Amino acid sequence: MTRPEARPEPAIEPGAGPGTPLLALHDLQVRFTGRGLPTARAVDGVDLTVGRGEIVALAGESGCGKTTLARAVLGLEKPAGGEVLLDGVPLRHSRGQLRSWRRRVQLIPQDPTGSLNPRRTVYDAVAEGLRVHGITGPGGEDALVADALSRAGLRPPQRFFLRYPHELSGGQRQRVLIAGALALSPELLVADEPVSSLDASVRGTILALLLQLRDELGLSVLVVTHDLGLAWNIADRLAVMYLGRIVEIGPTEQVLADPQHPYTRALLSVVPETRHVEQTILRGEPPDPTRIPAGCRFHPRCPVLAAGLEPAVADRCRTQPLPVLPAAATATHHAACHLLAPPPPGDHAKAW
């Protein structure tokens, strides 16, 4: 299948050479302040990169800040500090830049049933982005919609044009959302729990589709998930997030085969397919982001600390904060934990 003729280039021009990652977050901070309420530090210092053609999974419990981080990448939340860069160009939230940014960075929502308008056809759902951005091609809107549906695995595409969401299966609805994103020829997809609402029998086909799109189109994907099993199946790199910070990052196989942080080990221990990690049940809920604990922010729930440590180590866990992890290179595995030997002062680029 051939793509329609090339479309006009978006307004954002690449700001660096081919060695620059497609997406880069530098000390990203997102805060929420209500009238008379304390400030919630939802994302509290994150360095992260997504390379061209790379799939990165961002994993953690509900409330850890991963969805807020994804919204900042999409330009839906304005950072309180740090930067979001696409091709080396920082996001400044000007109206014109946001418009071109959202052509290059597209969202795949979590819930296809809630995301699709039940009164609009599949054709209209996929064509919406094309109409908003005024995009046309040599074959007209029909050709672009048909191409997007075909790439999302809905073939023959014309058979789906006049169907409504209630006439589709859950997997087909998710493919319609993917087609809507693909219609704009993005470079980066942000997939928010892309298979959490689907039956187990369908999840594998959607994950296989994302891998196929990466291979065929060179797309980069940031996958937001609570499921480390999903990360194992799809991601090149895995970043584990807790209370606004990334606590472990590295190549997926390294992180999941040899998890260094107690939080990662606890998350991995409840994945049915794992046998090499002793099951750990975390007690309590993640702390309120308006009252982040001193020292290691995981220490109130840390099973290793609760089991008893040397007093000097336990004191560091409760009182000494840990630095922001660097945006790890592909072959580097990092974890932020006082139980691990810290890097030399000022040398946070080396593995912990």
Foldseek 3Di string as FASTA:
>chain_A
DDDFDDWDAAPDDQDDDLVDAQKWWFQFWAWDDDVVDFIFTLAGTATAGFHFLFEEEEAEDPSLNLVVVVCVQLVNGPTPDTFMDGNNHTDPSDPRVSLRSCLQEDEQEAALVVVFDQVDFLLCLLCVNCVVNVIAGPVGSVSLLCVLLVLLPNPNSVVRGGHGPVVDDRLSSSSSSSSSSCSSVYQEYEYENSPPPDDPVNVVVNLVSVNVCSVPSRHYYYYYYNALVSCVVHGQKYFYGGNNATFKIAGSCCCLVPPDDQSSLQSSLPHVVDDPGDHDDFDDDQDGSSCQAAADSCVVGRPVVVVPDDPVLNVNRRHPHWDGAHHADHHEIAGTGSVDDDDPPPPRHHHD
